């Protein structure tokens, strides 16, 4: 057991607690008993941004990192929940297999990916991570273990996938991998002049294997929403199966508080947009740079200074996307609180999981350095998002008001009922779930 101060990847908020590392799935029961009556939550690699993996006692899955079985003919992998996507890539890419859905970092565990029901640049075609999980094993509040899937104990499966660890601790999962011809992708980059053109490109390329846009959130008047849209397909003209590189760069110190200000952010946004090609350009890139560009720099979260940062990610339904995104971007531009990283994606239909984030429409993720005036701005953005029928991603949230989780997640009461049915409400809570009344 390790006692200390912990945080998510945004380094805000921070909280004290005890970190317990069960050495095997059958040791989770004793860890639950040792924790007493305080709040307990599972914790993977700490890559959720806010307080969803903070509690009085955190069950670290770091030692639950064993492979159980892999079938090289079917691509079915059975592993413990502490196995990371980085480990999976190292094992399977040389064999021609790849995760069917991946977020923007490979430093997440299988259990964390299920708990947050992560999505990637291909949600419009392939859905969330849970769509490729035939089964999982969960330790309940009483220490017993149960297997669940879309067919067996389906109520618990739907609550666990996207449930942010609030139904129990995932200890094992079966995953269906995707066959790939090579470790290379064909990336097409298209520079757009405004938000309308950006959204139109998503519609035009709805059949693309992967699509994402970097967006200039501080664009001048008349160019609001200008972007670099990136489309990707696995390259079948080569059979190279190289692994990603180990990151060599590292941010050694917390950046000075004033480094990321409205002027430097405006300059960065303008320069990054200008580096985009004048005409659509296609090139071959490694999967590491296409899916995980920020993983090339270790501890990049220190660029935001000691106070940390908030990643603000929301989704708007398709029919409200243009109007809602325009209002959000206008409000950000007026505030001067620019975002170093602004990522826009088109999402496909929602699934049946109670607290999964995606819905058919558009999601925008923004990084803001923590400073006193920021939170009033985010409250205003919350109102815009929810007035347009959207919601905030729980895996990124660090400060949302309780009223908005009720409005954004219509199956919250069903989720609560499942928690009570399996006794999770007596043991599994995070600082986030207490704050939001989940």
Protein backbone atom coordinates (compact mmCIF):
# COMPACT_ATOMS: atom_id res chain seq x y z
CA UNK A 1 0.00 0.00 0.00
CA UNK A 2 1.23 3.47 -0.93
CA UNK A 3 -0.20 6.60 0.71
CA UNK A 4 0.21 9.94 -0.99
CA UNK A 5 -1.21 12.59 -3.27
CA UNK A 6 -2.62 11.53 -6.63
CA UNK A 7 -4.21 13.10 -9.68
CA UNK A 8 -5.35 12.26 -13.16
CA UNK A 9 -3.39 13.13 -16.28
CA UNK A 10 -4.54 16.75 -16.13
CA UNK A 11 -2.94 17.06 -12.67
CA UNK A 12 -6.12 18.75 -11.49
CA UNK A 13 -7.59 18.13 -8.99
CA UNK A 14 -5.19 16.45 -6.59
CA UNK A 15 -6.29 14.30 -3.68
CA UNK A 16 -4.72 12.13 -0.99
CA UNK A 17 -5.43 8.43 -0.84
CA UNK A 18 -4.01 4.94 -0.58
CA UNK A 19 -2.90 2.95 -3.62
CA UNK A 20 -3.26 -0.82 -3.26
CA UNK A 21 -1.85 -3.21 -5.89
CA UNK A 22 -3.47 -6.66 -5.87
CA UNK A 23 -0.90 -9.18 -7.15
CA UNK A 24 -3.50 -11.39 -8.86
CA UNK A 25 -7.25 -11.34 -9.60
CA UNK A 26 -7.96 -13.59 -6.60
CA UNK A 27 -6.25 -11.03 -4.34
CA UNK A 28 -8.79 -8.30 -5.12
CA UNK A 29 -11.19 -9.73 -2.51
CA UNK A 30 -8.64 -9.34 0.29
CA UNK A 31 -7.80 -5.84 -0.96
CA UNK A 32 -11.47 -4.90 -0.68
CA UNK A 33 -11.58 -6.23 2.88
CA UNK A 34 -8.42 -4.38 3.86
CA UNK A 35 -9.83 -1.10 2.55
CA UNK A 36 -12.49 -0.96 5.25
CA UNK A 37 -15.61 1.12 4.75
CA UNK A 38 -14.11 3.97 2.73
CA UNK A 39 -14.66 4.70 -0.95
CA UNK A 40 -12.87 2.41 -3.41
CA UNK A 41 -12.21 2.79 -7.14
CA UNK A 42 -10.04 0.90 -9.62
CA UNK A 43 -7.14 2.75 -11.21
CA UNK A 44 -5.12 1.88 -14.29
CA UNK A 45 -2.34 4.05 -15.71
CA UNK A 46 -3.87 7.33 -14.49
CA UNK A 47 -4.72 8.64 -17.97
CA UNK A 48 -8.27 9.76 -17.24
CA UNK A 49 -7.94 13.50 -16.87
CA UNK A 50 -9.93 14.52 -13.81
CA UNK A 51 -11.06 12.81 -10.59
CA UNK A 52 -12.75 9.66 -11.93
CA UNK A 53 -9.93 7.41 -10.65
CA UNK A 54 -9.42 9.15 -7.30
CA UNK A 55 -10.80 7.80 -4.02
CA UNK A 56 -9.78 7.05 -0.45
CA UNK A 57 -8.53 3.66 -1.69
CA UNK A 58 -7.47 3.06 -5.29
CA UNK A 59 -7.03 -0.49 -6.54
CA UNK A 60 -4.10 -0.34 -8.97
CA UNK A 61 -4.27 -2.89 -11.78
CA UNK A 62 -0.56 -2.60 -12.59
CA UNK A 63 0.25 -6.15 -11.45
CA UNK A 64 -2.72 -7.65 -13.32
CA UNK A 65 -0.79 -7.46 -16.58
CA UNK A 66 -0.64 -11.04 -17.82
CA UNK A 67 -1.68 -12.47 -21.16
CA UNK A 68 -3.85 -15.56 -20.87
CA UNK A 69 -4.28 -16.67 -24.48
CA UNK A 70 -4.05 -15.33 -28.01
CA UNK A 71 -5.34 -17.08 -31.11
CA UNK A 72 -3.23 -15.93 -34.09
CA UNK A 73 -5.80 -17.28 -36.54
CA UNK A 74 -8.86 -15.45 -35.19
CA UNK A 75 -7.25 -12.47 -33.41
CA UNK A 76 -9.02 -13.18 -30.12
CA UNK A 77 -6.97 -12.09 -27.10
CA UNK A 78 -7.72 -13.06 -23.50
CA UNK A 79 -5.78 -11.02 -20.94
CA UNK A 80 -5.85 -9.46 -17.50
CA UNK A 81 -7.24 -5.96 -17.19
CA UNK A 82 -3.94 -4.32 -16.30
CA UNK A 83 -2.43 -5.11 -19.70
CA UNK A 84 -1.86 -1.85 -21.58
CA UNK A 85 -2.50 -1.04 -25.20
CA UNK A 86 1.23 -0.43 -25.48
CA UNK A 87 1.86 -4.05 -24.45
CA UNK A 88 -0.79 -5.31 -26.85
CA UNK A 89 0.74 -3.41 -29.75
CA UNK A 90 4.18 -4.83 -28.99
CA UNK A 91 2.81 -8.37 -28.93
CA UNK A 92 0.41 -8.25 -31.85
CA UNK A 93 1.58 -5.75 -34.48
CA UNK A 94 4.47 -8.04 -35.56
CA UNK A 95 1.82 -10.75 -36.06
CA UNK A 96 -0.39 -8.49 -38.17
CA UNK A 97 -3.05 -7.58 -35.60
CA UNK A 98 -4.11 -4.22 -34.17
CA UNK A 99 -6.62 -2.93 -31.58
CA UNK A 100 -9.96 -2.38 -33.35
CA UNK A 101 -10.49 0.88 -31.41
CA UNK A 102 -7.79 2.99 -29.79
CA UNK A 103 -7.83 6.37 -28.03
CA UNK A 104 -5.16 9.02 -28.55
CA UNK A 105 -2.66 7.34 -26.21
CA UNK A 106 -1.42 3.78 -25.99
CA UNK A 107 -0.71 4.21 -22.27
CA UNK A 108 -4.11 3.00 -21.06
CA UNK A 109 -5.05 -0.37 -19.63
CA UNK A 110 -7.63 -2.73 -21.04
CA UNK A 111 -9.69 -2.27 -17.88
CA UNK A 112 -9.52 1.50 -18.17
CA UNK A 113 -10.45 1.41 -21.85
CA UNK A 114 -13.55 -0.64 -21.01
CA UNK A 115 -14.50 1.46 -17.98
CA UNK A 116 -14.34 4.67 -20.04
CA UNK A 117 -15.67 2.87 -23.15
CA UNK A 118 -13.08 4.76 -25.15
CA UNK A 119 -13.57 5.73 -28.76
CA UNK A 120 -11.13 6.63 -31.51
CA UNK A 121 -10.82 8.13 -34.94
CA UNK A 122 -13.02 5.36 -36.36
CA UNK A 123 -16.09 5.60 -34.13
CA UNK A 124 -18.24 6.56 -37.10
CA UNK A 125 -17.57 3.08 -38.51
CA UNK A 126 -16.54 0.81 -35.65
CA UNK A 127 -18.12 2.17 -32.49
CA UNK A 128 -16.58 2.15 -29.01
CA UNK A 129 -14.03 -0.19 -27.45
CA UNK A 130 -16.81 -2.25 -25.85
CA UNK A 131 -18.16 -3.26 -29.26
CA UNK A 132 -15.09 -5.49 -29.57
CA UNK A 133 -15.21 -7.01 -26.07
CA UNK A 134 -17.00 -10.37 -26.22
CA UNK A 135 -16.72 -10.87 -22.44
CA UNK A 136 -15.17 -9.52 -19.26
CA UNK A 137 -14.69 -10.59 -15.67
CA UNK A 138 -15.63 -8.29 -12.80
CA UNK A 139 -15.00 -8.44 -9.05
CA UNK A 140 -18.10 -7.18 -7.24
CA UNK A 141 -18.40 -5.30 -3.97
CA UNK A 142 -18.69 -8.54 -1.93
CA UNK A 143 -15.47 -9.88 -3.47
CA UNK A 144 -17.14 -12.42 -5.71
CA UNK A 145 -16.23 -12.62 -9.38
CA UNK A 146 -18.73 -12.67 -12.22
CA UNK A 147 -18.39 -13.00 -15.98
CA UNK A 148 -20.56 -10.78 -18.15
CA UNK A 149 -21.03 -10.15 -21.83
CA UNK A 150 -23.63 -8.69 -24.19
CA UNK A 151 -25.59 -11.94 -23.68
CA UNK A 152 -24.78 -13.09 -20.13
CA UNK A 153 -25.40 -10.70 -17.23
CA UNK A 154 -25.95 -8.11 -19.93
CA UNK A 155 -27.28 -5.52 -17.48
CA UNK A 156 -23.97 -5.57 -15.65
CA UNK A 157 -22.01 -5.54 -18.93
CA UNK A 158 -23.85 -2.43 -20.17
CA UNK A 159 -23.30 -0.69 -16.84
CA UNK A 160 -19.62 -1.62 -16.63
CA UNK A 161 -18.69 -0.54 -20.17
CA UNK A 162 -18.52 3.23 -19.76
CA UNK A 163 -19.38 2.96 -16.05
CA UNK A 164 -16.08 4.54 -14.90
CA UNK A 165 -15.26 1.71 -12.51
CA UNK A 166 -18.42 2.19 -10.45
CA UNK A 167 -19.74 -1.37 -10.80
CA UNK A 168 -16.61 -3.16 -9.60
CA UNK A 169 -13.04 -3.93 -10.61
CA UNK A 170 -12.49 -5.41 -14.07
CA UNK A 171 -9.85 -8.13 -13.76
CA UNK A 172 -9.94 -9.89 -17.13
CA UNK A 173 -11.31 -9.35 -20.64
CA UNK A 174 -11.59 -11.02 -24.03
CA UNK A 175 -10.83 -8.73 -26.98
CA UNK A 176 -11.30 -9.15 -30.70
CA UNK A 177 -8.33 -7.71 -32.58
CA UNK A 178 -8.28 -6.41 -36.18
CA UNK A 179 -6.13 -7.88 -38.94
CA UNK A 180 -3.86 -5.27 -40.58
CA UNK A 181 -1.70 -5.61 -43.71
CA UNK A 182 1.09 -3.41 -42.33
CA UNK A 183 2.02 -0.93 -39.62
CA UNK A 184 1.72 1.92 -42.13
CA UNK A 185 -1.28 4.11 -42.90
CA UNK A 186 -2.10 6.28 -45.87
CA UNK A 187 -2.86 9.70 -44.39
CA UNK A 188 -4.58 12.41 -46.39
CA UNK A 189 -4.42 15.96 -44.98
CA UNK A 190 -6.93 18.58 -46.13
CA UNK A 191 -6.84 22.21 -44.96
CA UNK A 192 -10.24 23.87 -44.50
CA UNK A 193 -11.14 27.54 -44.26
CA UNK A 194 -13.97 27.42 -41.72
CA UNK A 195 -16.20 25.17 -39.60
CA UNK A 196 -18.81 24.63 -42.32
CA UNK A 197 -16.19 23.22 -44.68
CA UNK A 198 -14.72 21.06 -41.92
CA UNK A 199 -18.05 19.44 -41.08
CA UNK A 200 -18.84 19.02 -44.77
CA UNK A 201 -15.59 17.09 -45.21
CA UNK A 202 -16.55 14.70 -42.41
CA UNK A 203 -19.82 14.06 -44.23
CA UNK A 204 -18.10 13.64 -47.58
CA UNK A 205 -15.61 11.14 -46.16
CA UNK A 206 -17.95 9.25 -43.83
CA UNK A 207 -16.63 5.96 -45.30
CA UNK A 208 -13.01 6.75 -44.41
CA UNK A 209 -11.43 4.21 -42.07
CA UNK A 210 -10.23 6.95 -39.71
CA UNK A 211 -10.98 10.66 -39.61
CA UNK A 212 -10.05 13.49 -37.26
CA UNK A 213 -9.43 17.23 -37.42
CA UNK A 214 -7.07 19.54 -35.59
CA UNK A 215 -9.01 22.77 -35.15
CA UNK A 216 -7.75 26.32 -34.64
CA UNK A 217 -9.89 27.46 -31.72
CA UNK A 218 -8.49 31.01 -31.87
CA UNK A 219 -9.02 31.61 -35.58
CA UNK A 220 -9.76 35.19 -36.65
CA UNK A 221 -13.27 36.40 -37.41
CA UNK A 222 -14.62 34.81 -40.56
CA UNK A 223 -12.29 31.79 -40.28
CA UNK A 224 -13.88 30.25 -37.19
CA UNK A 225 -13.37 26.50 -37.11
CA UNK A 226 -10.64 26.34 -39.74
CA UNK A 227 -8.92 22.99 -39.48
CA UNK A 228 -6.56 20.38 -40.77
CA UNK A 229 -8.66 17.30 -41.51
CA UNK A 230 -6.75 14.01 -41.47
CA UNK A 231 -8.10 10.84 -43.07
CA UNK A 232 -6.43 7.45 -42.67
CA UNK A 233 -6.51 3.94 -44.10
CA UNK A 234 -4.32 0.94 -43.35
CA UNK A 235 -1.83 0.64 -46.20
CA UNK A 236 -2.07 -2.66 -48.08
CA UNK A 237 0.76 -1.91 -50.53
CA UNK A 238 3.44 -3.00 -48.06
CA UNK A 239 3.82 -5.79 -45.50
CA UNK A 240 6.09 -3.90 -43.08
CA UNK A 241 5.08 -4.57 -39.47
CA UNK A 242 7.37 -2.28 -37.48
CA UNK A 243 6.64 -1.30 -33.90
CA UNK A 244 6.34 2.24 -32.60
CA UNK A 245 9.41 3.88 -31.15
CA UNK A 246 10.15 4.33 -27.47
CA UNK A 247 9.73 8.05 -26.66
CA UNK A 248 13.06 9.82 -26.30
CA UNK A 249 11.83 13.30 -25.47
CA UNK A 250 10.68 14.18 -21.97
CA UNK A 251 9.45 17.37 -20.36
CA UNK A 252 11.81 17.50 -17.35
CA UNK A 253 10.19 20.32 -15.38
CA UNK A 254 6.86 22.02 -14.90
CA UNK A 255 6.63 24.84 -17.43
CA UNK A 256 6.48 28.42 -16.13
CA UNK A 257 2.93 29.54 -15.40
CA UNK A 258 2.91 32.16 -18.14
CA UNK A 259 4.33 30.05 -20.95
CA UNK A 260 0.95 29.08 -22.40
CA UNK A 261 -0.86 32.40 -22.63
CA UNK A 262 -3.31 33.79 -25.19
CA UNK A 263 -0.48 35.18 -27.32
CA UNK A 264 1.69 32.07 -27.49
CA UNK A 265 -1.38 29.90 -28.06
CA UNK A 266 -2.65 32.16 -30.84
CA UNK A 267 0.78 32.06 -32.46
CA UNK A 268 1.02 28.27 -32.16
CA UNK A 269 -2.46 27.79 -33.64
CA UNK A 270 -1.69 30.08 -36.57
CA UNK A 271 1.65 28.39 -37.30
CA UNK A 272 0.24 24.88 -37.01
CA UNK A 273 -2.60 25.73 -39.38
CA UNK A 274 -0.17 27.32 -41.83
CA UNK A 275 1.95 24.16 -41.98
CA UNK A 276 -0.97 22.31 -43.55
CA UNK A 277 -0.77 21.76 -47.33
CA UNK A 278 -2.53 24.17 -49.67
CA UNK A 279 -3.94 21.19 -51.59
CA UNK A 280 -5.04 17.79 -50.24
CA UNK A 281 -1.91 15.70 -49.76
CA UNK A 282 -1.53 11.97 -49.15
CA UNK A 283 1.50 10.40 -47.54
CA UNK A 284 2.45 7.20 -45.74
CA UNK A 285 2.88 7.43 -41.96
CA UNK A 286 3.55 4.96 -39.17
CA UNK A 287 0.65 4.07 -36.87
CA UNK A 288 2.58 5.59 -33.96
CA UNK A 289 2.53 9.11 -35.38
CA UNK A 290 -1.02 8.80 -36.72
CA UNK A 291 -2.72 7.49 -33.58
CA UNK A 292 -0.37 8.56 -30.77
CA UNK A 293 1.46 11.80 -31.65
CA UNK A 294 1.66 13.05 -28.06
CA UNK A 295 3.07 9.76 -26.79
CA UNK A 296 6.32 10.80 -28.44
CA UNK A 297 6.88 13.20 -25.52
CA UNK A 298 6.91 11.73 -22.04
CA UNK A 299 5.17 13.76 -19.32
CA UNK A 300 3.86 16.31 -21.81
CA UNK A 301 1.23 17.27 -19.25
CA UNK A 302 3.94 19.25 -17.43
CA UNK A 303 3.79 21.84 -20.24
CA UNK A 304 0.73 23.31 -18.52
CA UNK A 305 2.56 24.16 -15.31
CA UNK A 306 2.11 23.07 -11.72
CA UNK A 307 -1.57 23.97 -11.58
CA UNK A 308 -2.31 21.48 -14.31
CA UNK A 309 -4.95 21.64 -17.01
CA UNK A 310 -8.51 20.64 -17.76
CA UNK A 311 -9.38 18.70 -20.87
CA UNK A 312 -12.89 19.69 -21.86
CA UNK A 313 -14.55 17.22 -24.22
CA UNK A 314 -18.17 17.31 -25.28
CA UNK A 315 -20.37 15.82 -27.97
CA UNK A 316 -23.25 17.46 -29.80
CA UNK A 317 -25.92 15.66 -31.81
CA UNK A 318 -25.44 15.89 -35.53
CA UNK A 319 -28.37 18.24 -36.17
CA UNK A 320 -27.10 20.72 -33.57
CA UNK A 321 -23.41 20.43 -34.44
CA UNK A 322 -22.92 23.52 -36.57
CA UNK A 323 -24.91 25.85 -34.31
CA UNK A 324 -23.51 24.52 -31.04
CA UNK A 325 -19.89 24.36 -32.14
CA UNK A 326 -20.11 27.89 -33.53
CA UNK A 327 -21.33 29.26 -30.20
CA UNK A 328 -18.66 27.36 -28.26
CA UNK A 329 -15.85 28.57 -30.53
CA UNK A 330 -17.11 32.15 -30.50
CA UNK A 331 -17.20 32.14 -26.71
CA UNK A 332 -13.69 30.70 -26.46
CA UNK A 333 -12.34 33.24 -28.94
CA UNK A 334 -13.83 36.11 -26.91
CA UNK A 335 -12.39 34.76 -23.69
CA UNK A 336 -8.83 34.42 -25.01
CA UNK A 337 -8.49 31.05 -23.24
CA UNK A 338 -6.96 29.26 -26.18
CA UNK A 339 -6.42 25.53 -26.38
CA UNK A 340 -3.07 24.03 -27.32
CA UNK A 341 -4.80 20.86 -28.44
CA UNK A 342 -8.22 21.09 -30.16
CA UNK A 343 -9.40 17.84 -31.72
CA UNK A 344 -12.69 17.44 -33.60
CA UNK A 345 -14.17 14.10 -34.64
CA UNK A 346 -17.39 12.85 -36.21
CA UNK A 347 -19.06 10.12 -34.15
CA UNK A 348 -21.43 7.37 -35.18
CA UNK A 349 -24.59 6.14 -33.42
CA UNK A 350 -24.71 5.70 -29.65
CA UNK A 351 -24.58 2.22 -28.13
CA UNK A 352 -26.74 0.69 -25.39
CA UNK A 353 -24.30 1.19 -22.52
CA UNK A 354 -25.76 3.34 -19.78
CA UNK A 355 -22.98 5.92 -19.43
CA UNK A 356 -21.10 5.67 -22.72
CA UNK A 357 -20.19 9.08 -24.04
CA UNK A 358 -20.58 9.02 -27.85
CA UNK A 359 -23.73 9.88 -29.73
CA UNK A 360 -24.14 10.43 -33.45
CA UNK A 361 -22.72 13.88 -34.06
CA UNK A 362 -19.49 15.76 -33.38
CA UNK A 363 -17.11 15.74 -30.44
CA UNK A 364 -14.57 18.45 -29.65
CA UNK A 365 -11.75 18.04 -27.11
CA UNK A 366 -9.94 21.12 -25.78
CA UNK A 367 -7.08 21.57 -23.30
CA UNK A 368 -7.16 24.60 -20.98
CA UNK A 369 -4.50 25.60 -18.47
CA UNK A 370 -6.00 25.87 -14.98
CA UNK A 371 -6.38 29.48 -13.90
CA UNK A 372 -9.03 31.29 -11.83
CA UNK A 373 -11.05 32.73 -14.72
CA UNK A 374 -11.28 29.41 -16.56
CA UNK A 375 -14.06 27.78 -14.58
CA UNK A 376 -16.62 30.51 -15.23
CA UNK A 377 -15.95 30.04 -18.95
CA UNK A 378 -16.40 26.28 -18.71
CA UNK A 379 -19.71 26.76 -16.90
CA UNK A 380 -20.86 28.85 -19.85
CA UNK A 381 -19.71 26.19 -22.29
CA UNK A 382 -21.60 23.55 -20.28
CA UNK A 383 -24.79 25.53 -20.73
CA UNK A 384 -24.26 25.82 -24.48
CA UNK A 385 -23.52 22.11 -24.82
CA UNK A 386 -26.57 21.01 -22.89
CA UNK A 387 -28.87 23.56 -24.48
CA UNK A 388 -27.98 21.85 -27.77
CA UNK A 389 -28.64 18.34 -26.48
CA UNK A 390 -25.02 17.36 -25.84
CA UNK A 391 -23.02 15.96 -22.94
CA UNK A 392 -19.56 16.03 -21.33
CA UNK A 393 -17.19 13.04 -21.38
CA UNK A 394 -16.83 11.62 -17.87
CA UNK A 395 -13.30 10.34 -18.55
CA UNK A 396 -12.18 13.94 -19.13
CA UNK A 397 -14.37 15.75 -16.59
CA UNK A 398 -12.85 17.41 -13.52
CA UNK A 399 -15.43 20.06 -12.56
CA UNK A 400 -18.85 19.62 -14.19
CA UNK A 401 -21.88 20.63 -12.14
CA UNK A 402 -24.19 17.85 -10.93
CA UNK A 403 -27.23 19.05 -12.89
CA UNK A 404 -25.50 18.49 -16.22
CA UNK A 405 -24.70 14.81 -15.74
CA UNK A 406 -28.41 14.18 -15.17
CA UNK A 407 -29.34 16.08 -18.31
CA UNK A 408 -26.60 14.59 -20.46
CA UNK A 409 -26.92 10.92 -19.54
CA UNK A 410 -30.59 9.86 -19.81
CA UNK A 411 -29.94 6.29 -18.56
CA UNK A 412 -28.31 7.40 -15.32
CA UNK A 413 -31.18 6.08 -13.21
CA UNK A 414 -30.94 2.68 -14.91
CA UNK A 415 -27.22 2.67 -14.14
CA UNK A 416 -27.95 3.46 -10.48
CA UNK A 417 -30.41 0.58 -10.29
CA UNK A 418 -27.78 -1.86 -11.58
CA UNK A 419 -25.26 -0.54 -9.05
CA UNK A 420 -27.71 -1.15 -6.24
CA UNK A 421 -28.69 -4.59 -7.54
CA UNK A 422 -25.08 -5.77 -7.35
CA UNK A 423 -24.19 -3.85 -4.18
CA UNK A 424 -21.66 -1.58 -5.91
CA UNK A 425 -23.17 1.53 -4.31
CA UNK A 426 -21.90 0.33 -0.93
CA UNK A 427 -18.22 0.22 -1.95
CA UNK A 428 -17.32 1.69 -5.32
CA UNK A 429 -17.19 5.48 -5.44
CA UNK A 430 -14.76 7.99 -6.88
CA UNK A 431 -14.37 11.67 -6.10
CA UNK A 432 -16.12 12.28 -9.41
CA UNK A 433 -19.09 10.05 -8.61
CA UNK A 434 -19.52 11.77 -5.24
CA UNK A 435 -19.27 15.21 -6.85
CA UNK A 436 -21.82 14.36 -9.55
CA UNK A 437 -24.16 12.32 -7.38
CA UNK A 438 -23.78 9.21 -9.52
